[in-house]
Full PDB file with SEQRES, HELIX, SHEET, SSBOND, CRYST1, ORIGX, SCALE, CONECT and MASTER records, all heavy atoms in Angstrom:
SEQRES   1 A   39  ALA LEU SER PRO THR PRO ARG HIS ARG VAL VAL LEU GLY          
SEQRES   2 A   39  SER ASP ALA GLN ARG ARG ILE GLY VAL LYS LEU ASP GLN          
SEQRES   3 A   39  LEU ARG ALA GLU TYR GLU ALA GLY LYS ASP VAL ALA LEU          
HELIX    1 AA1 SER A   14  ALA A   33  1                                  20    
HELIX    2 AA2 LYS A   35  ALA A   38  1                                   4    
CRYST1    1.000    1.000    1.000  90.00  90.00  90.00 P 1           1          
ORIGX1      1.000000  0.000000  0.000000        0.00000                         
ORIGX2      0.000000  1.000000  0.000000        0.00000                         
ORIGX3      0.000000  0.000000  1.000000        0.00000                         
SCALE1      1.000000  0.000000  0.000000        0.00000                         
SCALE2      0.000000  1.000000  0.000000        0.00000                         
SCALE3      0.000000  0.000000  1.000000        0.00000                         
ATOM      1  N   ALA A   1     -42.180 -35.160  37.476  1.00  0.00           N  
ATOM      2  CA  ALA A   1     -42.362 -36.605  37.302  1.00  0.00           C  
ATOM      3  C   ALA A   1     -42.274 -37.346  38.629  1.00  0.00           C  
ATOM      4  O   ALA A   1     -42.907 -38.385  38.804  1.00  0.00           O  
ATOM      5  CB  ALA A   1     -41.334 -37.151  36.323  1.00  0.00           C  
ATOM      6  N   LEU A   2     -41.499 -36.816  39.567  1.00  0.00           N  
ATOM      7  CA  LEU A   2     -41.319 -37.459  40.872  1.00  0.00           C  
ATOM      8  C   LEU A   2     -42.138 -36.813  41.983  1.00  0.00           C  
ATOM      9  O   LEU A   2     -42.071 -37.245  43.129  1.00  0.00           O  
ATOM     10  CB  LEU A   2     -39.836 -37.424  41.256  1.00  0.00           C  
ATOM     11  CG  LEU A   2     -38.893 -38.158  40.296  1.00  0.00           C  
ATOM     12  CD1 LEU A   2     -37.457 -37.994  40.739  1.00  0.00           C  
ATOM     13  CD2 LEU A   2     -39.265 -39.620  40.166  1.00  0.00           C  
ATOM     14  N   SER A   3     -42.919 -35.818  41.671  1.00  0.00           N  
ATOM     15  CA  SER A   3     -43.662 -35.060  42.675  1.00  0.00           C  
ATOM     16  C   SER A   3     -44.678 -35.927  43.419  1.00  0.00           C  
ATOM     17  O   SER A   3     -45.383 -36.731  42.806  1.00  0.00           O  
ATOM     18  CB  SER A   3     -44.391 -33.896  42.004  1.00  0.00           C  
ATOM     19  OG  SER A   3     -45.246 -33.263  42.931  1.00  0.00           O  
ATOM     20  N   PRO A   4     -44.766 -35.744  44.744  1.00  0.00           N  
ATOM     21  CA  PRO A   4     -45.793 -36.465  45.498  1.00  0.00           C  
ATOM     22  C   PRO A   4     -47.189 -35.883  45.278  1.00  0.00           C  
ATOM     23  O   PRO A   4     -48.182 -36.498  45.643  1.00  0.00           O  
ATOM     24  CB  PRO A   4     -45.343 -36.298  46.957  1.00  0.00           C  
ATOM     25  CG  PRO A   4     -44.540 -35.044  46.950  1.00  0.00           C  
ATOM     26  CD  PRO A   4     -43.892 -34.957  45.601  1.00  0.00           C  
ATOM     27  N   THR A   5     -47.268 -34.693  44.706  1.00  0.00           N  
ATOM     28  CA  THR A   5     -48.558 -34.069  44.389  1.00  0.00           C  
ATOM     29  C   THR A   5     -48.646 -33.888  42.873  1.00  0.00           C  
ATOM     30  O   THR A   5     -48.373 -32.800  42.343  1.00  0.00           O  
ATOM     31  CB  THR A   5     -48.712 -32.708  45.109  1.00  0.00           C  
ATOM     32  OG1 THR A   5     -47.587 -31.885  44.785  1.00  0.00           O  
ATOM     33  CG2 THR A   5     -48.788 -32.885  46.617  1.00  0.00           C  
ATOM     34  N   PRO A   6     -48.989 -34.956  42.187  1.00  0.00           N  
ATOM     35  CA  PRO A   6     -48.925 -34.943  40.721  1.00  0.00           C  
ATOM     36  C   PRO A   6     -49.952 -34.017  40.070  1.00  0.00           C  
ATOM     37  O   PRO A   6     -51.057 -33.847  40.567  1.00  0.00           O  
ATOM     38  CB  PRO A   6     -49.200 -36.396  40.345  1.00  0.00           C  
ATOM     39  CG  PRO A   6     -49.961 -36.956  41.493  1.00  0.00           C  
ATOM     40  CD  PRO A   6     -49.472 -36.224  42.708  1.00  0.00           C  
ATOM     41  N   ARG A   7     -49.520 -33.439  38.970  1.00  0.00           N  
ATOM     42  CA  ARG A   7     -50.416 -32.692  38.090  1.00  0.00           C  
ATOM     43  C   ARG A   7     -50.528 -33.475  36.795  1.00  0.00           C  
ATOM     44  O   ARG A   7     -49.727 -34.372  36.535  1.00  0.00           O  
ATOM     45  CB  ARG A   7     -49.838 -31.300  37.799  1.00  0.00           C  
ATOM     46  CG  ARG A   7     -49.756 -30.431  39.038  1.00  0.00           C  
ATOM     47  CD  ARG A   7     -49.452 -28.987  38.698  1.00  0.00           C  
ATOM     48  NE  ARG A   7     -48.063 -28.827  38.278  1.00  0.00           N  
ATOM     49  CZ  ARG A   7     -47.625 -27.791  37.580  1.00  0.00           C  
ATOM     50  NH1 ARG A   7     -48.457 -26.841  37.201  1.00  0.00           N  
ATOM     51  NH2 ARG A   7     -46.363 -27.685  37.244  1.00  0.00           N  
ATOM     52  N   HIS A   8     -51.490 -33.117  35.979  1.00  0.00           N  
ATOM     53  CA  HIS A   8     -51.640 -33.767  34.684  1.00  0.00           C  
ATOM     54  C   HIS A   8     -50.930 -33.012  33.571  1.00  0.00           C  
ATOM     55  O   HIS A   8     -50.462 -33.614  32.618  1.00  0.00           O  
ATOM     56  CB  HIS A   8     -53.122 -33.925  34.324  1.00  0.00           C  
ATOM     57  CG  HIS A   8     -53.815 -34.902  35.201  1.00  0.00           C  
ATOM     58  ND1 HIS A   8     -54.927 -34.587  35.942  1.00  0.00           N  
ATOM     59  CD2 HIS A   8     -53.547 -36.196  35.478  1.00  0.00           C  
ATOM     60  CE1 HIS A   8     -55.325 -35.644  36.626  1.00  0.00           C  
ATOM     61  NE2 HIS A   8     -54.502 -36.634  36.363  1.00  0.00           N  
ATOM     62  N   ARG A   9     -50.898 -31.707  33.675  1.00  0.00           N  
ATOM     63  CA  ARG A   9     -50.269 -30.870  32.651  1.00  0.00           C  
ATOM     64  C   ARG A   9     -49.315 -29.896  33.314  1.00  0.00           C  
ATOM     65  O   ARG A   9     -49.628 -29.317  34.343  1.00  0.00           O  
ATOM     66  CB  ARG A   9     -51.314 -30.064  31.878  1.00  0.00           C  
ATOM     67  CG  ARG A   9     -52.136 -30.860  30.919  1.00  0.00           C  
ATOM     68  CD  ARG A   9     -53.091 -29.948  30.130  1.00  0.00           C  
ATOM     69  NE  ARG A   9     -53.782 -30.681  29.099  1.00  0.00           N  
ATOM     70  CZ  ARG A   9     -54.926 -31.334  29.281  1.00  0.00           C  
ATOM     71  NH1 ARG A   9     -55.498 -31.327  30.461  1.00  0.00           N  
ATOM     72  NH2 ARG A   9     -55.479 -31.992  28.281  1.00  0.00           N  
ATOM     73  N   VAL A  10     -48.171 -29.715  32.669  1.00  0.00           N  
ATOM     74  CA  VAL A  10     -47.192 -28.741  33.140  1.00  0.00           C  
ATOM     75  C   VAL A  10     -46.835 -27.842  31.963  1.00  0.00           C  
ATOM     76  O   VAL A  10     -46.326 -28.322  30.946  1.00  0.00           O  
ATOM     77  CB  VAL A  10     -45.923 -29.420  33.702  1.00  0.00           C  
ATOM     78  CG1 VAL A  10     -44.887 -28.387  34.112  1.00  0.00           C  
ATOM     79  CG2 VAL A  10     -46.288 -30.336  34.867  1.00  0.00           C  
ATOM     80  N   VAL A  11     -47.130 -26.571  32.098  1.00  0.00           N  
ATOM     81  CA  VAL A  11     -46.818 -25.586  31.069  1.00  0.00           C  
ATOM     82  C   VAL A  11     -45.435 -25.024  31.369  1.00  0.00           C  
ATOM     83  O   VAL A  11     -45.146 -24.643  32.506  1.00  0.00           O  
ATOM     84  CB  VAL A  11     -47.874 -24.455  31.047  1.00  0.00           C  
ATOM     85  CG1 VAL A  11     -47.503 -23.369  30.049  1.00  0.00           C  
ATOM     86  CG2 VAL A  11     -49.259 -25.030  30.743  1.00  0.00           C  
ATOM     87  N   LEU A  12     -44.584 -24.978  30.353  1.00  0.00           N  
ATOM     88  CA  LEU A  12     -43.223 -24.473  30.519  1.00  0.00           C  
ATOM     89  C   LEU A  12     -42.974 -23.313  29.563  1.00  0.00           C  
ATOM     90  O   LEU A  12     -43.165 -23.455  28.353  1.00  0.00           O  
ATOM     91  CB  LEU A  12     -42.197 -25.580  30.244  1.00  0.00           C  
ATOM     92  CG  LEU A  12     -42.282 -26.822  31.122  1.00  0.00           C  
ATOM     93  CD1 LEU A  12     -41.257 -27.858  30.667  1.00  0.00           C  
ATOM     94  CD2 LEU A  12     -42.073 -26.468  32.581  1.00  0.00           C  
ATOM     95  N   GLY A  13     -42.532 -22.196  30.100  1.00  0.00           N  
ATOM     96  CA  GLY A  13     -42.175 -21.037  29.291  1.00  0.00           C  
ATOM     97  C   GLY A  13     -43.217 -19.932  29.370  1.00  0.00           C  
ATOM     98  O   GLY A  13     -44.422 -20.190  29.401  1.00  0.00           O  
ATOM     99  N   SER A  14     -42.725 -18.711  29.395  1.00  0.00           N  
ATOM    100  CA  SER A  14     -43.619 -17.558  29.482  1.00  0.00           C  
ATOM    101  C   SER A  14     -44.510 -17.442  28.249  1.00  0.00           C  
ATOM    102  O   SER A  14     -45.677 -17.054  28.355  1.00  0.00           O  
ATOM    103  CB  SER A  14     -42.807 -16.277  29.667  1.00  0.00           C  
ATOM    104  OG  SER A  14     -41.908 -16.097  28.572  1.00  0.00           O  
ATOM    105  N   ASP A  15     -43.990 -17.777  27.085  1.00  0.00           N  
ATOM    106  CA  ASP A  15     -44.805 -17.695  25.868  1.00  0.00           C  
ATOM    107  C   ASP A  15     -45.928 -18.727  25.894  1.00  0.00           C  
ATOM    108  O   ASP A  15     -47.059 -18.435  25.507  1.00  0.00           O  
ATOM    109  CB  ASP A  15     -43.946 -17.825  24.609  1.00  0.00           C  
ATOM    110  CG  ASP A  15     -43.110 -19.090  24.547  1.00  0.00           C  
ATOM    111  OD1 ASP A  15     -42.866 -19.733  25.597  1.00  0.00           O  
ATOM    112  OD2 ASP A  15     -42.662 -19.443  23.434  1.00  0.00           O  
ATOM    113  N   ALA A  16     -45.650 -19.910  26.397  1.00  0.00           N  
ATOM    114  CA  ALA A  16     -46.682 -20.945  26.500  1.00  0.00           C  
ATOM    115  C   ALA A  16     -47.735 -20.546  27.526  1.00  0.00           C  
ATOM    116  O   ALA A  16     -48.940 -20.716  27.283  1.00  0.00           O  
ATOM    117  CB  ALA A  16     -46.055 -22.285  26.874  1.00  0.00           C  
ATOM    118  N   GLN A  17     -47.307 -20.023  28.650  1.00  0.00           N  
ATOM    119  CA  GLN A  17     -48.253 -19.591  29.677  1.00  0.00           C  
ATOM    120  C   GLN A  17     -49.196 -18.523  29.122  1.00  0.00           C  
ATOM    121  O   GLN A  17     -50.407 -18.579  29.307  1.00  0.00           O  
ATOM    122  CB  GLN A  17     -47.495 -19.048  30.899  1.00  0.00           C  
ATOM    123  CG  GLN A  17     -48.371 -18.621  32.046  1.00  0.00           C  
ATOM    124  CD  GLN A  17     -49.028 -19.779  32.769  1.00  0.00           C  
ATOM    125  OE1 GLN A  17     -48.548 -20.910  32.713  1.00  0.00           O  
ATOM    126  NE2 GLN A  17     -50.124 -19.522  33.443  1.00  0.00           N  
ATOM    127  N   ARG A  18     -48.641 -17.589  28.394  1.00  0.00           N  
ATOM    128  CA  ARG A  18     -49.438 -16.498  27.821  1.00  0.00           C  
ATOM    129  C   ARG A  18     -50.401 -17.026  26.743  1.00  0.00           C  
ATOM    130  O   ARG A  18     -51.598 -16.750  26.783  1.00  0.00           O  
ATOM    131  CB  ARG A  18     -48.494 -15.435  27.257  1.00  0.00           C  
ATOM    132  CG  ARG A  18     -49.138 -14.214  26.660  1.00  0.00           C  
ATOM    133  CD  ARG A  18     -48.112 -13.150  26.230  1.00  0.00           C  
ATOM    134  NE  ARG A  18     -47.014 -13.677  25.432  1.00  0.00           N  
ATOM    135  CZ  ARG A  18     -45.761 -13.916  25.888  1.00  0.00           C  
ATOM    136  NH1 ARG A  18     -45.457 -13.674  27.147  1.00  0.00           N  
ATOM    137  NH2 ARG A  18     -44.827 -14.391  25.085  1.00  0.00           N  
ATOM    138  N   ARG A  19     -49.875 -17.793  25.788  1.00  0.00           N  
ATOM    139  CA  ARG A  19     -50.697 -18.241  24.659  1.00  0.00           C  
ATOM    140  C   ARG A  19     -51.790 -19.212  25.095  1.00  0.00           C  
ATOM    141  O   ARG A  19     -52.931 -19.132  24.635  1.00  0.00           O  
ATOM    142  CB  ARG A  19     -49.823 -18.875  23.584  1.00  0.00           C  
ATOM    143  CG  ARG A  19     -50.557 -18.959  22.258  1.00  0.00           C  
ATOM    144  CD  ARG A  19     -49.591 -19.098  21.110  1.00  0.00           C  
ATOM    145  NE  ARG A  19     -49.753 -20.421  20.551  1.00  0.00           N  
ATOM    146  CZ  ARG A  19     -48.794 -21.150  20.025  1.00  0.00           C  
ATOM    147  NH1 ARG A  19     -47.566 -20.693  19.975  1.00  0.00           N  
ATOM    148  NH2 ARG A  19     -49.039 -22.325  19.539  1.00  0.00           N  
ATOM    149  N   ILE A  20     -51.464 -20.130  25.983  1.00  0.00           N  
ATOM    150  CA  ILE A  20     -52.474 -21.066  26.475  1.00  0.00           C  
ATOM    151  C   ILE A  20     -53.522 -20.323  27.297  1.00  0.00           C  
ATOM    152  O   ILE A  20     -54.718 -20.618  27.215  1.00  0.00           O  
ATOM    153  CB  ILE A  20     -51.815 -22.217  27.264  1.00  0.00           C  
ATOM    154  CG1 ILE A  20     -51.028 -23.109  26.294  1.00  0.00           C  
ATOM    155  CG2 ILE A  20     -52.858 -23.021  28.029  1.00  0.00           C  
ATOM    156  CD1 ILE A  20     -50.142 -24.136  26.976  1.00  0.00           C  
ATOM    157  N   GLY A  21     -53.103 -19.331  28.074  1.00  0.00           N  
ATOM    158  CA  GLY A  21     -54.057 -18.523  28.845  1.00  0.00           C  
ATOM    159  C   GLY A  21     -55.057 -17.820  27.954  1.00  0.00           C  
ATOM    160  O   GLY A  21     -56.275 -17.802  28.232  1.00  0.00           O  
ATOM    161  N   VAL A  22     -54.582 -17.245  26.855  1.00  0.00           N  
ATOM    162  CA  VAL A  22     -55.481 -16.590  25.897  1.00  0.00           C  
ATOM    163  C   VAL A  22     -56.459 -17.604  25.317  1.00  0.00           C  
ATOM    164  O   VAL A  22     -57.662 -17.356  25.211  1.00  0.00           O  
ATOM    165  CB  VAL A  22     -54.672 -15.885  24.779  1.00  0.00           C  
ATOM    166  CG1 VAL A  22     -55.571 -15.457  23.620  1.00  0.00           C  
ATOM    167  CG2 VAL A  22     -53.918 -14.682  25.346  1.00  0.00           C  
ATOM    168  N   LYS A  23     -55.961 -18.778  24.957  1.00  0.00           N  
ATOM    169  CA  LYS A  23     -56.823 -19.825  24.382  1.00  0.00           C  
ATOM    170  C   LYS A  23     -57.881 -20.271  25.385  1.00  0.00           C  
ATOM    171  O   LYS A  23     -59.051 -20.439  25.036  1.00  0.00           O  
ATOM    172  CB  LYS A  23     -55.964 -21.016  23.943  1.00  0.00           C  
ATOM    173  CG  LYS A  23     -56.737 -22.240  23.504  1.00  0.00           C  
ATOM    174  CD  LYS A  23     -57.494 -22.025  22.194  1.00  0.00           C  
ATOM    175  CE  LYS A  23     -58.244 -23.245  21.740  1.00  0.00           C  
ATOM    176  NZ  LYS A  23     -57.526 -24.093  20.840  1.00  0.00           N  
ATOM    177  N   LEU A  24     -57.490 -20.457  26.642  1.00  0.00           N  
ATOM    178  CA  LEU A  24     -58.456 -20.875  27.658  1.00  0.00           C  
ATOM    179  C   LEU A  24     -59.535 -19.819  27.861  1.00  0.00           C  
ATOM    180  O   LEU A  24     -60.717 -20.151  28.018  1.00  0.00           O  
ATOM    181  CB  LEU A  24     -57.746 -21.187  28.975  1.00  0.00           C  
ATOM    182  CG  LEU A  24     -56.847 -22.418  28.953  1.00  0.00           C  
ATOM    183  CD1 LEU A  24     -56.084 -22.534  30.272  1.00  0.00           C  
ATOM    184  CD2 LEU A  24     -57.632 -23.678  28.661  1.00  0.00           C  
ATOM    185  N   ASP A  25     -59.164 -18.547  27.841  1.00  0.00           N  
ATOM    186  CA  ASP A  25     -60.152 -17.463  27.949  1.00  0.00           C  
ATOM    187  C   ASP A  25     -61.118 -17.497  26.772  1.00  0.00           C  
ATOM    188  O   ASP A  25     -62.327 -17.328  26.934  1.00  0.00           O  
ATOM    189  CB  ASP A  25     -59.455 -16.098  28.023  1.00  0.00           C  
ATOM    190  CG  ASP A  25     -58.689 -15.891  29.327  1.00  0.00           C  
ATOM    191  OD1 ASP A  25     -58.926 -16.639  30.297  1.00  0.00           O  
ATOM    192  OD2 ASP A  25     -57.848 -14.971  29.358  1.00  0.00           O  
ATOM    193  N   GLN A  26     -60.580 -17.728  25.564  1.00  0.00           N  
ATOM    194  CA  GLN A  26     -61.431 -17.808  24.373  1.00  0.00           C  
ATOM    195  C   GLN A  26     -62.382 -19.000  24.461  1.00  0.00           C  
ATOM    196  O   GLN A  26     -63.573 -18.884  24.136  1.00  0.00           O  
ATOM    197  CB  GLN A  26     -60.574 -17.931  23.108  1.00  0.00           C  
ATOM    198  CG  GLN A  26     -59.814 -16.687  22.758  1.00  0.00           C  
ATOM    199  CD  GLN A  26     -58.800 -16.933  21.638  1.00  0.00           C  
ATOM    200  OE1 GLN A  26     -58.391 -18.063  21.370  1.00  0.00           O  
ATOM    201  NE2 GLN A  26     -58.376 -15.858  20.988  1.00  0.00           N  
ATOM    202  N   LEU A  27     -61.860 -20.137  24.879  1.00  0.00           N  
ATOM    203  CA  LEU A  27     -62.702 -21.334  25.007  1.00  0.00           C  
ATOM    204  C   LEU A  27     -63.825 -21.107  26.014  1.00  0.00           C  
ATOM    205  O   LEU A  27     -64.983 -21.473  25.761  1.00  0.00           O  
ATOM    206  CB  LEU A  27     -61.866 -22.540  25.446  1.00  0.00           C  
ATOM    207  CG  LEU A  27     -61.023 -23.218  24.388  1.00  0.00           C  
ATOM    208  CD1 LEU A  27     -60.136 -24.282  25.032  1.00  0.00           C  
ATOM    209  CD2 LEU A  27     -61.892 -23.837  23.306  1.00  0.00           C  
ATOM    210  N   ARG A  28     -63.505 -20.519  27.156  1.00  0.00           N  
ATOM    211  CA  ARG A  28     -64.521 -20.277  28.188  1.00  0.00           C  
ATOM    212  C   ARG A  28     -65.599 -19.334  27.654  1.00  0.00           C  
ATOM    213  O   ARG A  28     -66.794 -19.578  27.837  1.00  0.00           O  
ATOM    214  CB  ARG A  28     -63.873 -19.721  29.453  1.00  0.00           C  
ATOM    215  CG  ARG A  28     -64.837 -19.324  30.560  1.00  0.00           C  
ATOM    216  CD  ARG A  28     -65.755 -20.413  31.032  1.00  0.00           C  
ATOM    217  NE  ARG A  28     -65.042 -21.456  31.702  1.00  0.00           N  
ATOM    218  CZ  ARG A  28     -65.616 -22.582  32.149  1.00  0.00           C  
ATOM    219  NH1 ARG A  28     -66.899 -22.790  31.990  1.00  0.00           N  
ATOM    220  NH2 ARG A  28     -64.910 -23.508  32.724  1.00  0.00           N  
ATOM    221  N   ALA A  29     -65.203 -18.286  26.952  1.00  0.00           N  
ATOM    222  CA  ALA A  29     -66.170 -17.329  26.408  1.00  0.00           C  
ATOM    223  C   ALA A  29     -67.076 -18.007  25.376  1.00  0.00           C  
ATOM    224  O   ALA A  29     -68.303 -17.816  25.393  1.00  0.00           O  
ATOM    225  CB  ALA A  29     -65.447 -16.134  25.789  1.00  0.00           C  
ATOM    226  N   GLU A  30     -66.497 -18.816  24.483  1.00  0.00           N  
ATOM    227  CA  GLU A  30     -67.309 -19.506  23.478  1.00  0.00           C  
ATOM    228  C   GLU A  30     -68.208 -20.561  24.113  1.00  0.00           C  
ATOM    229  O   GLU A  30     -69.353 -20.744  23.700  1.00  0.00           O  
ATOM    230  CB  GLU A  30     -66.415 -20.131  22.415  1.00  0.00           C  
ATOM    231  CG  GLU A  30     -65.775 -19.098  21.505  1.00  0.00           C  
ATOM    232  CD  GLU A  30     -64.938 -19.718  20.393  1.00  0.00           C  
ATOM    233  OE1 GLU A  30     -65.078 -20.929  20.128  1.00  0.00           O  
ATOM    234  OE2 GLU A  30     -64.149 -18.979  19.794  1.00  0.00           O  
ATOM    235  N   TYR A  31     -67.686 -21.249  25.108  1.00  0.00           N  
ATOM    236  CA  TYR A  31     -68.463 -22.257  25.824  1.00  0.00           C  
ATOM    237  C   TYR A  31     -69.680 -21.620  26.479  1.00  0.00           C  
ATOM    238  O   TYR A  31     -70.809 -22.102  26.334  1.00  0.00           O  
ATOM    239  CB  TYR A  31     -67.557 -22.934  26.863  1.00  0.00           C  
ATOM    240  CG  TYR A  31     -68.270 -23.847  27.817  1.00  0.00           C  
ATOM    241  CD1 TYR A  31     -68.620 -25.140  27.442  1.00  0.00           C  
ATOM    242  CD2 TYR A  31     -68.578 -23.431  29.114  1.00  0.00           C  
ATOM    243  CE1 TYR A  31     -69.272 -25.983  28.325  1.00  0.00           C  
ATOM    244  CE2 TYR A  31     -69.224 -24.272  30.000  1.00  0.00           C  
ATOM    245  CZ  TYR A  31     -69.575 -25.546  29.603  1.00  0.00           C  
ATOM    246  OH  TYR A  31     -70.214 -26.375  30.470  1.00  0.00           O  
ATOM    247  N   GLU A  32     -69.475 -20.535  27.194  1.00  0.00           N  
ATOM    248  CA  GLU A  32     -70.581 -19.860  27.879  1.00  0.00           C  
ATOM    249  C   GLU A  32     -71.575 -19.275  26.880  1.00  0.00           C  
ATOM    250  O   GLU A  32     -72.786 -19.365  27.081  1.00  0.00           O  
ATOM    251  CB  GLU A  32     -70.051 -18.757  28.799  1.00  0.00           C  
ATOM    252  CG  GLU A  32     -69.233 -19.276  29.980  1.00  0.00           C  
ATOM    253  CD  GLU A  32     -70.014 -20.193  30.922  1.00  0.00           C  
ATOM    254  OE1 GLU A  32     -71.261 -20.116  30.979  1.00  0.00           O  
ATOM    255  OE2 GLU A  32     -69.362 -21.004  31.615  1.00  0.00           O  
ATOM    256  N   ALA A  33     -71.097 -18.679  25.789  1.00  0.00           N  
ATOM    257  CA  ALA A  33     -71.976 -18.083  24.786  1.00  0.00           C  
ATOM    258  C   ALA A  33     -72.837 -19.132  24.087  1.00  0.00           C  
ATOM    259  O   ALA A  33     -73.941 -18.825  23.630  1.00  0.00           O  
ATOM    260  CB  ALA A  33     -71.152 -17.307  23.758  1.00  0.00           C  
ATOM    261  N   GLY A  34     -72.370 -20.358  24.019  1.00  0.00           N  
ATOM    262  CA  GLY A  34     -73.102 -21.410  23.326  1.00  0.00           C  
ATOM    263  C   GLY A  34     -73.917 -22.320  24.212  1.00  0.00           C  
ATOM    264  O   GLY A  34     -74.475 -23.314  23.735  1.00  0.00           O  
ATOM    265  N   LYS A  35     -74.025 -22.001  25.491  1.00  0.00           N  
ATOM    266  CA  LYS A  35     -74.708 -22.885  26.435  1.00  0.00           C  
ATOM    267  C   LYS A  35     -76.157 -23.159  26.037  1.00  0.00           C  
ATOM    268  O   LYS A  35     -76.600 -24.313  26.012  1.00  0.00           O  
ATOM    269  CB  LYS A  35     -74.664 -22.302  27.847  1.00  0.00           C  
ATOM    270  CG  LYS A  35     -75.325 -23.173  28.879  1.00  0.00           C  
ATOM    271  CD  LYS A  35     -75.217 -22.598  30.268  1.00  0.00           C  
ATOM    272  CE  LYS A  35     -75.898 -23.499  31.271  1.00  0.00           C  
ATOM    273  NZ  LYS A  35     -75.864 -22.925  32.627  1.00  0.00           N  
ATOM    274  N   ASP A  36     -76.912 -22.123  25.706  1.00  0.00           N  
ATOM    275  CA  ASP A  36     -78.313 -22.321  25.357  1.00  0.00           C  
ATOM    276  C   ASP A  36     -78.470 -23.178  24.101  1.00  0.00           C  
ATOM    277  O   ASP A  36     -79.363 -24.018  24.026  1.00  0.00           O  
ATOM    278  CB  ASP A  36     -79.010 -20.968  25.171  1.00  0.00           C  
ATOM    279  CG  ASP A  36     -79.152 -20.212  26.485  1.00  0.00           C  
ATOM    280  OD1 ASP A  36     -79.098 -20.857  27.564  1.00  0.00           O  
ATOM    281  OD2 ASP A  36     -79.296 -18.974  26.436  1.00  0.00           O  
ATOM    282  N   VAL A  37     -77.593 -22.979  23.123  1.00  0.00           N  
ATOM    283  CA  VAL A  37     -77.642 -23.793  21.910  1.00  0.00           C  
ATOM    284  C   VAL A  37     -77.352 -25.251  22.254  1.00  0.00           C  
ATOM    285  O   VAL A  37     -78.042 -26.165  21.792  1.00  0.00           O  
ATOM    286  CB  VAL A  37     -76.651 -23.263  20.854  1.00  0.00           C  
ATOM    287  CG1 VAL A  37     -76.526 -24.239  19.689  1.00  0.00           C  
ATOM    288  CG2 VAL A  37     -77.082 -21.896  20.347  1.00  0.00           C  
ATOM    289  N   ALA A  38     -76.329 -25.489  23.073  1.00  0.00           N  
ATOM    290  CA  ALA A  38     -75.990 -26.864  23.454  1.00  0.00           C  
ATOM    291  C   ALA A  38     -77.166 -27.557  24.125  1.00  0.00           C  
ATOM    292  O   ALA A  38     -77.520 -28.689  23.780  1.00  0.00           O  
ATOM    293  CB  ALA A  38     -74.769 -26.862  24.376  1.00  0.00           C  
ATOM    294  N   LEU A  39     -77.782 -26.880  25.072  1.00  0.00           N  
ATOM    295  CA  LEU A  39     -78.893 -27.480  25.810  1.00  0.00           C  
ATOM    296  C   LEU A  39     -80.129 -27.675  24.941  1.00  0.00           C  
ATOM    297  O   LEU A  39     -80.942 -28.574  25.199  1.00  0.00           O  
ATOM    298  CB  LEU A  39     -79.228 -26.627  27.034  1.00  0.00           C  
ATOM    299  CG  LEU A  39     -78.097 -26.478  28.060  1.00  0.00           C  
ATOM    300  CD1 LEU A  39     -78.521 -25.573  29.207  1.00  0.00           C  
ATOM    301  CD2 LEU A  39     -77.632 -27.827  28.576  1.00  0.00           C  
TER     302      LEU A  39                                                      
MASTER        0    0    0    2    0    0    0    6  301    1    0    3          
END                                                                             
């Protein structure tokens, strides 16, 4: 909260780091697979 180099999101805990990482990988894969449909 007081950092001179602010971030928007802070993940806390090994379980959160792991689970959010898996979700981000899934989102990226689905995003890329659907690019042609989106366009």
